[in-house]
Amino acid sequence: MMRSGFSYFFSSFPSACRSGRAWMVGAAIVIGLSMTGGCANDPTQGYSSESIFRADVATVSVPIFENNTFHRQVELDLTESIVKEIERRTPYKVTNQRRADTILTGTIRRVELDQLTRSRQTGLAEEMVLSVTVDFEWRDLRTNRLLVRRESFTSHGLFVPSGPTGEPIELGQLATVQKMARDIVDEMQSEW
């Protein structure tokens, strides 16, 4: 006569272990192990190890963003930061437009510099915030289908131009475009 797995498992323990606390611990282990097979493969039903980026895209072209402001070098810094973020965080490879599956284009609409705080002693700005606003779109070159489009997409960077630190405006600009690049790459994720 064949016994069930549970009773066979516990019958192999000495009789002293089958009673009390040891039996309860053993039962909890068997029940816990039997429940581990319940993980879902559907990402909407639990955890998933699937990529958060589109599987149908392998390459991206990122031409230099247009700049409609008087602030120079912002378009170069932003484009370079976006390329680095794509290469670092996504499965996509950045390539030229002839070989790319998709293209990410954009236009810098505004660059604004605002004073947050002023020194009581000198009257000079202690903290400044640099804001960059862009319009961008990500398009599939194979089908000409629009994948992502955002208008008036803004990012901010803080720097301290006076006092002991004396940070240059370029530091605030770099912080802003790096944050903008991270935010744009976040927008390239698949929709759930």
N, C-alpha and C. Protein backbone atom coordinates (compact mmCIF):
# COMPACT_ATOMS: atom_id res chain seq x y z
N MET A 1 0.83 -1.18 0.00
CA MET A 1 0.00 0.00 0.00
C MET A 1 0.88 1.25 0.00
N MET A 2 0.55 2.19 -0.88
CA MET A 2 1.37 3.38 -1.03
C MET A 2 0.78 4.51 -0.19
N ARG A 3 1.63 5.18 0.55
CA ARG A 3 1.19 6.29 1.40
C ARG A 3 1.28 7.60 0.62
N SER A 4 0.51 8.60 1.04
CA SER A 4 0.60 9.92 0.42
C SER A 4 1.96 10.52 0.78
N GLY A 5 2.42 11.49 -0.04
CA GLY A 5 3.74 12.10 0.16
C GLY A 5 3.88 12.74 1.52
N PHE A 6 2.83 13.40 1.98
CA PHE A 6 2.89 14.11 3.25
C PHE A 6 3.05 13.14 4.42
N SER A 7 2.23 12.09 4.45
CA SER A 7 2.32 11.14 5.56
C SER A 7 3.60 10.31 5.49
N TYR A 8 4.06 10.00 4.28
CA TYR A 8 5.30 9.25 4.15
C TYR A 8 6.47 10.09 4.65
N PHE A 9 6.45 11.39 4.33
CA PHE A 9 7.51 12.29 4.75
C PHE A 9 7.63 12.32 6.27
N PHE A 10 6.51 12.43 6.95
CA PHE A 10 6.54 12.52 8.41
C PHE A 10 6.68 11.17 9.10
N SER A 11 6.34 10.08 8.44
CA SER A 11 6.50 8.78 9.07
C SER A 11 7.97 8.37 9.14
N SER A 12 8.81 9.03 8.31
CA SER A 12 10.22 8.69 8.34
C SER A 12 10.95 9.35 9.51
N PHE A 13 10.32 10.34 10.17
CA PHE A 13 10.92 10.93 11.35
C PHE A 13 10.72 10.01 12.56
N PRO A 14 11.65 10.11 13.50
CA PRO A 14 11.43 9.35 14.75
C PRO A 14 10.14 9.81 15.42
N SER A 15 9.55 8.93 16.20
CA SER A 15 8.26 9.24 16.83
C SER A 15 8.34 10.45 17.74
N ALA A 16 9.47 10.72 18.31
CA ALA A 16 9.61 11.87 19.19
C ALA A 16 9.47 13.18 18.42
N CYS A 17 9.88 13.15 17.14
CA CYS A 17 9.81 14.36 16.32
C CYS A 17 8.43 14.56 15.72
N ARG A 18 7.60 13.51 15.68
CA ARG A 18 6.29 13.63 15.05
C ARG A 18 5.29 14.37 15.91
N SER A 19 5.62 14.65 17.10
CA SER A 19 4.66 15.33 17.96
C SER A 19 5.14 16.74 18.24
N GLY A 20 4.22 17.58 18.54
CA GLY A 20 4.54 18.92 19.01
C GLY A 20 5.10 19.86 17.96
N ARG A 21 6.04 20.66 18.41
CA ARG A 21 6.59 21.76 17.62
C ARG A 21 7.32 21.27 16.37
N ALA A 22 8.10 20.23 16.43
CA ALA A 22 8.85 19.73 15.27
C ALA A 22 7.89 19.34 14.15
N TRP A 23 6.78 18.73 14.50
CA TRP A 23 5.81 18.33 13.48
C TRP A 23 5.21 19.56 12.81
N MET A 24 4.91 20.60 13.56
CA MET A 24 4.32 21.82 13.02
C MET A 24 5.30 22.55 12.10
N VAL A 25 6.57 22.58 12.48
CA VAL A 25 7.58 23.22 11.64
C VAL A 25 7.72 22.47 10.33
N GLY A 26 7.77 21.15 10.39
CA GLY A 26 7.86 20.33 9.18
C GLY A 26 6.65 20.53 8.28
N ALA A 27 5.47 20.59 8.86
CA ALA A 27 4.26 20.80 8.07
C ALA A 27 4.29 22.16 7.39
N ALA A 28 4.77 23.18 8.08
CA ALA A 28 4.86 24.52 7.51
C ALA A 28 5.84 24.54 6.33
N ILE A 29 6.95 23.81 6.44
CA ILE A 29 7.92 23.76 5.36
C ILE A 29 7.32 23.09 4.13
N VAL A 30 6.63 21.97 4.32
CA VAL A 30 6.04 21.26 3.18
C VAL A 30 4.97 22.12 2.52
N ILE A 31 4.15 22.78 3.29
CA ILE A 31 3.09 23.63 2.74
C ILE A 31 3.72 24.81 2.00
N GLY A 32 4.74 25.41 2.58
CA GLY A 32 5.43 26.54 1.93
C GLY A 32 6.05 26.13 0.61
N LEU A 33 6.70 24.98 0.57
CA LEU A 33 7.32 24.51 -0.67
C LEU A 33 6.27 24.19 -1.74
N SER A 34 5.14 23.69 -1.33
CA SER A 34 4.11 23.36 -2.31
C SER A 34 3.46 24.60 -2.91
N MET A 35 3.57 25.73 -2.25
CA MET A 35 2.94 26.96 -2.74
C MET A 35 3.87 27.79 -3.61
N THR A 36 5.13 27.44 -3.75
CA THR A 36 6.07 28.28 -4.50
C THR A 36 5.84 28.22 -5.99
N GLY A 37 5.08 27.34 -6.49
CA GLY A 37 4.83 27.25 -7.93
C GLY A 37 3.79 28.23 -8.41
N GLY A 38 3.35 29.18 -7.62
CA GLY A 38 2.26 30.06 -7.99
C GLY A 38 2.66 31.39 -8.59
N CYS A 39 3.89 31.56 -9.04
CA CYS A 39 4.31 32.84 -9.63
C CYS A 39 3.74 32.98 -11.03
N ALA A 40 3.38 34.19 -11.39
CA ALA A 40 2.72 34.44 -12.68
C ALA A 40 3.74 34.81 -13.76
N ASN A 41 3.48 34.38 -15.00
CA ASN A 41 4.29 34.79 -16.14
C ASN A 41 3.74 36.04 -16.78
N ASP A 42 2.49 36.36 -16.53
CA ASP A 42 1.85 37.54 -17.10
C ASP A 42 2.25 38.75 -16.25
N PRO A 43 2.92 39.78 -16.84
CA PRO A 43 3.39 40.90 -16.03
C PRO A 43 2.27 41.70 -15.37
N THR A 44 1.04 41.59 -15.88
CA THR A 44 -0.06 42.30 -15.23
C THR A 44 -0.58 41.54 -14.02
N GLN A 45 -0.10 40.32 -13.83
CA GLN A 45 -0.57 39.48 -12.73
C GLN A 45 0.48 39.27 -11.65
N GLY A 46 1.60 39.96 -11.69
CA GLY A 46 2.64 39.80 -10.68
C GLY A 46 3.97 40.29 -11.19
N TYR A 47 5.04 39.75 -10.66
CA TYR A 47 6.37 40.16 -11.05
C TYR A 47 6.73 39.56 -12.41
N SER A 48 7.62 40.27 -13.13
CA SER A 48 8.05 39.79 -14.43
C SER A 48 9.52 40.14 -14.62
N SER A 49 10.22 39.33 -15.38
CA SER A 49 11.61 39.63 -15.69
C SER A 49 11.76 40.16 -17.11
N GLU A 50 10.64 40.48 -17.76
CA GLU A 50 10.68 41.01 -19.11
C GLU A 50 11.21 42.45 -19.09
N SER A 51 11.82 42.86 -20.21
CA SER A 51 12.38 44.20 -20.33
C SER A 51 11.26 45.24 -20.30
N ILE A 52 11.56 46.40 -19.76
CA ILE A 52 10.57 47.48 -19.75
C ILE A 52 10.62 48.28 -21.05
N PHE A 53 11.54 47.92 -21.94
CA PHE A 53 11.67 48.61 -23.22
C PHE A 53 11.11 47.74 -24.34
N ARG A 54 10.75 48.36 -25.44
CA ARG A 54 10.12 47.69 -26.58
C ARG A 54 11.02 46.60 -27.15
N ALA A 55 10.46 45.45 -27.41
CA ALA A 55 11.23 44.32 -27.97
C ALA A 55 11.34 44.42 -29.49
N ASP A 56 10.48 45.21 -30.13
CA ASP A 56 10.48 45.29 -31.59
C ASP A 56 11.43 46.37 -32.13
N VAL A 57 12.21 47.00 -31.24
CA VAL A 57 13.15 48.03 -31.65
C VAL A 57 14.56 47.60 -31.24
N ALA A 58 15.50 47.71 -32.19
CA ALA A 58 16.89 47.36 -31.89
C ALA A 58 17.82 48.58 -31.96
N THR A 59 17.52 49.52 -32.85
CA THR A 59 18.41 50.66 -33.06
C THR A 59 17.65 51.97 -33.07
N VAL A 60 18.35 53.04 -32.68
CA VAL A 60 17.77 54.38 -32.59
C VAL A 60 18.77 55.37 -33.19
N SER A 61 18.28 56.29 -33.98
CA SER A 61 19.08 57.40 -34.47
C SER A 61 18.71 58.63 -33.65
N VAL A 62 19.72 59.38 -33.21
CA VAL A 62 19.47 60.59 -32.42
C VAL A 62 20.22 61.76 -33.05
N PRO A 63 19.61 62.45 -34.04
CA PRO A 63 20.26 63.64 -34.59
C PRO A 63 20.31 64.75 -33.54
N ILE A 64 21.19 65.72 -33.75
CA ILE A 64 21.31 66.83 -32.80
C ILE A 64 19.98 67.57 -32.74
N PHE A 65 19.50 67.81 -31.52
CA PHE A 65 18.24 68.53 -31.33
C PHE A 65 18.36 69.95 -31.89
N GLU A 66 17.26 70.46 -32.40
CA GLU A 66 17.23 71.86 -32.83
C GLU A 66 17.19 72.74 -31.60
N ASN A 67 17.71 73.96 -31.73
CA ASN A 67 17.73 74.90 -30.61
C ASN A 67 17.13 76.21 -31.06
N ASN A 68 15.95 76.55 -30.54
CA ASN A 68 15.27 77.80 -30.89
C ASN A 68 15.52 78.89 -29.85
N THR A 69 16.59 78.76 -29.07
CA THR A 69 16.90 79.75 -28.03
C THR A 69 18.23 80.43 -28.35
N PHE A 70 18.57 81.43 -27.55
CA PHE A 70 19.86 82.09 -27.71
C PHE A 70 20.96 81.40 -26.90
N HIS A 71 20.62 80.39 -26.14
CA HIS A 71 21.60 79.65 -25.34
C HIS A 71 22.26 78.60 -26.21
N ARG A 72 23.54 78.78 -26.47
CA ARG A 72 24.27 77.86 -27.34
C ARG A 72 24.86 76.72 -26.53
N GLN A 73 25.14 75.65 -27.20
CA GLN A 73 25.76 74.44 -26.66
C GLN A 73 24.76 73.53 -25.95
N VAL A 74 23.57 74.03 -25.61
CA VAL A 74 22.57 73.21 -24.92
C VAL A 74 22.16 72.03 -25.79
N GLU A 75 21.96 72.26 -27.07
CA GLU A 75 21.52 71.19 -27.97
C GLU A 75 22.57 70.09 -28.09
N LEU A 76 23.84 70.46 -28.09
CA LEU A 76 24.92 69.47 -28.18
C LEU A 76 25.02 68.65 -26.89
N ASP A 77 24.95 69.36 -25.75
CA ASP A 77 25.02 68.66 -24.46
C ASP A 77 23.83 67.73 -24.27
N LEU A 78 22.64 68.20 -24.66
CA LEU A 78 21.44 67.38 -24.49
C LEU A 78 21.50 66.14 -25.38
N THR A 79 21.87 66.31 -26.64
CA THR A 79 21.94 65.17 -27.55
C THR A 79 22.98 64.15 -27.07
N GLU A 80 24.13 64.63 -26.64
CA GLU A 80 25.17 63.72 -26.13
C GLU A 80 24.68 62.96 -24.89
N SER A 81 23.99 63.65 -23.99
CA SER A 81 23.46 63.00 -22.78
C SER A 81 22.40 61.95 -23.12
N ILE A 82 21.55 62.24 -24.10
CA ILE A 82 20.51 61.29 -24.51
C ILE A 82 21.16 60.03 -25.09
N VAL A 83 22.15 60.21 -25.95
CA VAL A 83 22.85 59.06 -26.55
C VAL A 83 23.47 58.19 -25.45
N LYS A 84 24.13 58.83 -24.49
CA LYS A 84 24.75 58.08 -23.39
C LYS A 84 23.71 57.33 -22.56
N GLU A 85 22.58 57.97 -22.28
CA GLU A 85 21.51 57.32 -21.50
C GLU A 85 20.91 56.13 -22.25
N ILE A 86 20.69 56.28 -23.54
CA ILE A 86 20.14 55.17 -24.34
C ILE A 86 21.11 54.00 -24.32
N GLU A 87 22.38 54.27 -24.55
CA GLU A 87 23.38 53.20 -24.58
C GLU A 87 23.54 52.55 -23.21
N ARG A 88 23.42 53.33 -22.15
CA ARG A 88 23.65 52.82 -20.79
C ARG A 88 22.45 52.05 -20.23
N ARG A 89 21.23 52.53 -20.50
CA ARG A 89 20.06 52.01 -19.80
C ARG A 89 19.11 51.16 -20.63
N THR A 90 19.26 51.17 -21.94
CA THR A 90 18.29 50.46 -22.78
C THR A 90 18.98 49.35 -23.57
N PRO A 91 18.21 48.45 -24.16
CA PRO A 91 18.81 47.44 -25.04
C PRO A 91 19.07 47.98 -26.44
N TYR A 92 18.70 49.23 -26.72
CA TYR A 92 18.84 49.81 -28.05
C TYR A 92 20.28 50.25 -28.30
N LYS A 93 20.67 50.21 -29.56
CA LYS A 93 21.96 50.73 -29.99
C LYS A 93 21.72 52.00 -30.79
N VAL A 94 22.56 53.01 -30.56
CA VAL A 94 22.44 54.26 -31.29
C VAL A 94 23.28 54.15 -32.56
N THR A 95 22.67 54.50 -33.69
CA THR A 95 23.33 54.39 -34.98
C THR A 95 22.89 55.54 -35.87
N ASN A 96 23.39 55.57 -37.11
CA ASN A 96 22.98 56.64 -38.02
C ASN A 96 21.57 56.35 -38.56
N GLN A 97 20.98 57.36 -39.16
CA GLN A 97 19.57 57.27 -39.57
C GLN A 97 19.34 56.21 -40.65
N ARG A 98 20.30 55.97 -41.53
CA ARG A 98 20.11 54.98 -42.60
C ARG A 98 20.00 53.55 -42.06
N ARG A 99 20.62 53.27 -40.92
CA ARG A 99 20.64 51.92 -40.38
C ARG A 99 19.68 51.74 -39.20
N ALA A 100 19.01 52.81 -38.78
CA ALA A 100 18.19 52.77 -37.56
C ALA A 100 16.77 52.29 -37.83
N ASP A 101 16.20 51.62 -36.81
CA ASP A 101 14.79 51.24 -36.83
C ASP A 101 13.91 52.44 -36.50
N THR A 102 14.42 53.30 -35.59
CA THR A 102 13.63 54.43 -35.09
C THR A 102 14.50 55.68 -35.06
N ILE A 103 13.82 56.83 -34.91
CA ILE A 103 14.55 58.10 -34.80
C ILE A 103 13.93 58.92 -33.68
N LEU A 104 14.79 59.53 -32.88
CA LEU A 104 14.37 60.40 -31.79
C LEU A 104 14.81 61.81 -32.14
N THR A 105 13.85 62.70 -32.40
CA THR A 105 14.15 64.08 -32.77
C THR A 105 13.52 65.02 -31.76
N GLY A 106 14.07 66.23 -31.68
CA GLY A 106 13.51 67.18 -30.74
C GLY A 106 13.95 68.60 -31.01
N THR A 107 13.25 69.52 -30.35
CA THR A 107 13.54 70.95 -30.47
C THR A 107 13.53 71.56 -29.08
N ILE A 108 14.59 72.30 -28.76
CA ILE A 108 14.65 73.03 -27.49
C ILE A 108 13.87 74.32 -27.68
N ARG A 109 12.80 74.48 -26.90
CA ARG A 109 11.90 75.64 -27.03
C ARG A 109 12.30 76.80 -26.12
N ARG A 110 12.68 76.47 -24.88
CA ARG A 110 13.00 77.52 -23.92
C ARG A 110 14.14 77.08 -23.02
N VAL A 111 14.98 78.05 -22.67
CA VAL A 111 15.97 77.88 -21.61
C VAL A 111 15.79 79.10 -20.72
N GLU A 112 15.43 78.87 -19.46
CA GLU A 112 15.14 79.97 -18.54
C GLU A 112 16.01 79.85 -17.30
N LEU A 113 16.45 81.00 -16.82
CA LEU A 113 17.29 81.08 -15.63
C LEU A 113 16.53 81.89 -14.60
N ASP A 114 16.23 81.28 -13.45
CA ASP A 114 15.47 81.96 -12.40
C ASP A 114 16.25 81.93 -11.10
N GLN A 115 16.15 83.04 -10.37
CA GLN A 115 16.79 83.15 -9.07
C GLN A 115 15.86 82.60 -8.00
N LEU A 116 16.39 81.71 -7.16
CA LEU A 116 15.59 81.16 -6.07
C LEU A 116 15.82 81.92 -4.77
N THR A 117 17.08 82.14 -4.41
CA THR A 117 17.39 82.85 -3.18
C THR A 117 18.48 83.90 -3.43
N ARG A 118 18.49 84.93 -2.56
CA ARG A 118 19.46 86.02 -2.65
C ARG A 118 20.12 86.20 -1.29
N SER A 119 21.41 86.49 -1.31
CA SER A 119 22.16 86.73 -0.07
C SER A 119 21.70 88.03 0.58
N ARG A 120 21.50 88.01 1.88
CA ARG A 120 21.10 89.23 2.60
C ARG A 120 22.25 90.22 2.69
N GLN A 121 23.47 89.70 2.74
CA GLN A 121 24.64 90.58 2.89
C GLN A 121 25.04 91.23 1.56
N THR A 122 25.09 90.45 0.48
CA THR A 122 25.61 90.97 -0.78
C THR A 122 24.52 91.28 -1.82
N GLY A 123 23.37 90.70 -1.68
CA GLY A 123 22.32 90.90 -2.67
C GLY A 123 22.51 90.04 -3.92
N LEU A 124 23.56 89.21 -3.92
CA LEU A 124 23.81 88.34 -5.07
C LEU A 124 22.97 87.07 -4.97
N ALA A 125 22.74 86.47 -6.10
CA ALA A 125 21.97 85.23 -6.14
C ALA A 125 22.75 84.11 -5.46
N GLU A 126 22.08 83.41 -4.55
CA GLU A 126 22.72 82.27 -3.89
C GLU A 126 22.37 80.96 -4.58
N GLU A 127 21.12 80.84 -5.01
CA GLU A 127 20.69 79.63 -5.72
C GLU A 127 19.94 80.05 -6.97
N MET A 128 20.29 79.37 -8.07
CA MET A 128 19.64 79.63 -9.35
C MET A 128 19.12 78.30 -9.88
N VAL A 129 18.03 78.36 -10.62
CA VAL A 129 17.51 77.16 -11.27
C VAL A 129 17.47 77.42 -12.77
N LEU A 130 17.97 76.45 -13.50
CA LEU A 130 17.97 76.51 -14.96
C LEU A 130 16.92 75.53 -15.46
N SER A 131 15.98 76.01 -16.27
CA SER A 131 14.91 75.18 -16.82
C SER A 131 15.07 75.07 -18.32
N VAL A 132 14.95 73.85 -18.83
CA VAL A 132 15.02 73.60 -20.27
C VAL A 132 13.71 72.93 -20.67
N THR A 133 13.06 73.46 -21.71
CA THR A 133 11.80 72.91 -22.22
C THR A 133 12.00 72.45 -23.66
N VAL A 134 11.60 71.21 -23.93
CA VAL A 134 11.76 70.66 -25.28
C VAL A 134 10.45 70.03 -25.76
N ASP A 135 10.34 69.92 -27.07
CA ASP A 135 9.34 69.08 -27.73
C ASP A 135 10.13 67.96 -28.38
N PHE A 136 9.68 66.72 -28.25
CA PHE A 136 10.39 65.63 -28.92
C PHE A 136 9.42 64.57 -29.37
N GLU A 137 9.89 63.77 -30.34
CA GLU A 137 9.11 62.64 -30.80
C GLU A 137 10.04 61.49 -31.16
N TRP A 138 9.52 60.29 -30.96
CA TRP A 138 10.23 59.06 -31.28
C TRP A 138 9.37 58.33 -32.32
N ARG A 139 9.94 58.13 -33.51
CA ARG A 139 9.17 57.60 -34.63
C ARG A 139 9.83 56.34 -35.17
N ASP A 140 8.99 55.36 -35.55
CA ASP A 140 9.47 54.13 -36.18
C ASP A 140 9.70 54.43 -37.66
N LEU A 141 10.94 54.29 -38.11
CA LEU A 141 11.28 54.61 -39.50
C LEU A 141 10.77 53.55 -40.48
N ARG A 142 10.51 52.34 -40.00
CA ARG A 142 10.05 51.26 -40.88
C ARG A 142 8.59 51.44 -41.27
N THR A 143 7.78 51.95 -40.33
CA THR A 143 6.34 52.09 -40.57
C THR A 143 5.87 53.55 -40.54
N ASN A 144 6.77 54.46 -40.16
CA ASN A 144 6.48 55.88 -39.96
C ASN A 144 5.45 56.11 -38.84
N ARG A 145 5.33 55.12 -37.96
CA ARG A 145 4.39 55.22 -36.84
C ARG A 145 5.03 56.00 -35.69
N LEU A 146 4.27 56.89 -35.09
CA LEU A 146 4.73 57.67 -33.96
C LEU A 146 4.68 56.81 -32.70
N LEU A 147 5.82 56.65 -32.02
CA LEU A 147 5.88 55.83 -30.81
C LEU A 147 5.66 56.67 -29.56
N VAL A 148 6.29 57.84 -29.50
CA VAL A 148 6.15 58.73 -28.35
C VAL A 148 6.24 60.17 -28.86
N ARG A 149 5.41 61.03 -28.32
CA ARG A 149 5.49 62.46 -28.62
C ARG A 149 5.17 63.24 -27.35
N ARG A 150 6.04 64.18 -27.02
CA ARG A 150 5.81 65.03 -25.85
C ARG A 150 6.09 66.47 -26.24
N GLU A 151 5.23 67.36 -25.80
CA GLU A 151 5.41 68.79 -26.02
C GLU A 151 5.55 69.49 -24.68
N SER A 152 6.35 70.53 -24.67
CA SER A 152 6.61 71.31 -23.46
C SER A 152 7.11 70.42 -22.31
N PHE A 153 8.00 69.54 -22.63
CA PHE A 153 8.62 68.62 -21.67
C PHE A 153 9.74 69.38 -20.99
N THR A 154 9.66 69.59 -19.66
CA THR A 154 10.57 70.48 -18.96
C THR A 154 11.37 69.75 -17.90
N SER A 155 12.62 70.20 -17.75
CA SER A 155 13.50 69.68 -16.70
C SER A 155 14.21 70.86 -16.05
N HIS A 156 14.58 70.71 -14.78
CA HIS A 156 15.19 71.79 -14.02
C HIS A 156 16.51 71.33 -13.39
N GLY A 157 17.45 72.25 -13.25
CA GLY A 157 18.71 71.97 -12.58
C GLY A 157 19.08 73.13 -11.68
N LEU A 158 19.58 72.83 -10.50
CA LEU A 158 19.92 73.84 -9.49
C LEU A 158 21.43 74.02 -9.44
N PHE A 159 21.87 75.27 -9.30
CA PHE A 159 23.29 75.52 -9.07
C PHE A 159 23.43 76.76 -8.20
N VAL A 160 24.61 76.92 -7.61
CA VAL A 160 24.89 78.01 -6.67
C VAL A 160 26.00 78.88 -7.26
N PRO A 161 25.64 80.03 -7.87
CA PRO A 161 26.64 80.83 -8.56
C PRO A 161 27.53 81.69 -7.66
N SER A 162 27.11 81.95 -6.43
CA SER A 162 27.91 82.82 -5.57
C SER A 162 28.32 82.08 -4.31
N GLY A 163 28.94 82.84 -3.42
CA GLY A 163 29.36 82.25 -2.15
C GLY A 163 30.63 81.44 -2.30
N PRO A 164 30.83 80.55 -1.39
CA PRO A 164 32.09 79.80 -1.42
C PRO A 164 32.20 78.83 -2.59
N THR A 165 31.08 78.38 -3.13
CA THR A 165 31.16 77.40 -4.22
C THR A 165 31.39 78.07 -5.57
N GLY A 166 30.68 79.13 -5.87
CA GLY A 166 30.85 79.85 -7.13
C GLY A 166 30.70 78.98 -8.36
N GLU A 167 29.64 78.19 -8.42
CA GLU A 167 29.43 77.27 -9.54
C GLU A 167 29.07 78.05 -10.80
N PRO A 168 29.67 77.70 -11.94
CA PRO A 168 29.33 78.39 -13.20
C PRO A 168 27.98 77.93 -13.73
N ILE A 169 27.39 78.74 -14.61
CA ILE A 169 26.10 78.40 -15.20
C ILE A 169 26.18 77.09 -15.98
N GLU A 170 27.35 76.77 -16.52
CA GLU A 170 27.52 75.53 -17.28
C GLU A 170 27.25 74.30 -16.42
N LEU A 171 27.55 74.40 -15.12
CA LEU A 171 27.27 73.28 -14.21
C LEU A 171 25.76 73.07 -14.07
N GLY A 172 25.01 74.16 -13.94
CA GLY A 172 23.56 74.05 -13.90
C GLY A 172 22.99 73.54 -15.20
N GLN A 173 23.56 73.97 -16.31
CA GLN A 173 23.11 73.51 -17.62
C GLN A 173 23.37 72.02 -17.78
N LEU A 174 24.54 71.56 -17.37
CA LEU A 174 24.87 70.14 -17.47
C LEU A 174 23.94 69.29 -16.62
N ALA A 175 23.68 69.73 -15.38
CA ALA A 175 22.77 68.99 -14.50
C ALA A 175 21.37 68.91 -15.11
N THR A 176 20.93 69.99 -15.72
CA THR A 176 19.59 70.03 -16.31
C THR A 176 19.48 69.11 -17.52
N VAL A 177 20.45 69.16 -18.42
CA VAL A 177 20.35 68.34 -19.62
C VAL A 177 20.52 66.85 -19.28
N GLN A 178 21.31 66.53 -18.27
CA GLN A 178 21.43 65.13 -17.87
C GLN A 178 20.12 64.61 -17.29
N LYS A 179 19.44 65.43 -16.49
CA LYS A 179 18.14 65.03 -15.97
C LYS A 179 17.11 64.91 -17.10
N MET A 180 17.16 65.86 -18.04
CA MET A 180 16.26 65.81 -19.20
C MET A 180 16.49 64.54 -20.00
N ALA A 181 17.74 64.16 -20.21
CA ALA A 181 18.06 62.94 -20.96
C ALA A 181 17.50 61.71 -20.25
N ARG A 182 17.64 61.64 -18.92
CA ARG A 182 17.07 60.51 -18.17
C ARG A 182 15.55 60.47 -18.32
N ASP A 183 14.92 61.64 -18.25
CA ASP A 183 13.46 61.70 -18.36
C ASP A 183 12.98 61.30 -19.76
N ILE A 184 13.70 61.71 -20.79
CA ILE A 184 13.33 61.34 -22.16
C ILE A 184 13.45 59.83 -22.36
N VAL A 185 14.54 59.25 -21.87
CA VAL A 185 14.72 57.79 -22.00
C VAL A 185 13.65 57.05 -21.20
N ASP A 186 13.24 57.59 -20.07
CA ASP A 186 12.12 56.99 -19.31
C ASP A 186 10.86 56.95 -20.16
N GLU A 187 10.65 57.97 -20.98
CA GLU A 187 9.46 58.01 -21.84
C GLU A 187 9.52 56.98 -22.95
N MET A 188 10.69 56.43 -23.23
CA MET A 188 10.85 55.41 -24.29
C MET A 188 10.50 54.02 -23.81
N GLN A 189 10.11 53.87 -22.55
CA GLN A 189 9.74 52.55 -22.03
C GLN A 189 8.42 52.11 -22.61
N SER A 190 8.22 50.78 -22.63
CA SER A 190 6.95 50.22 -23.12
C SER A 190 5.82 50.62 -22.19
N GLU A 191 4.66 50.80 -22.78
CA GLU A 191 3.47 51.05 -21.96
C GLU A 191 2.91 49.72 -21.49
N TRP A 192 2.50 49.67 -20.22
CA TRP A 192 2.00 48.41 -19.63
C TRP A 192 0.53 48.29 -19.90
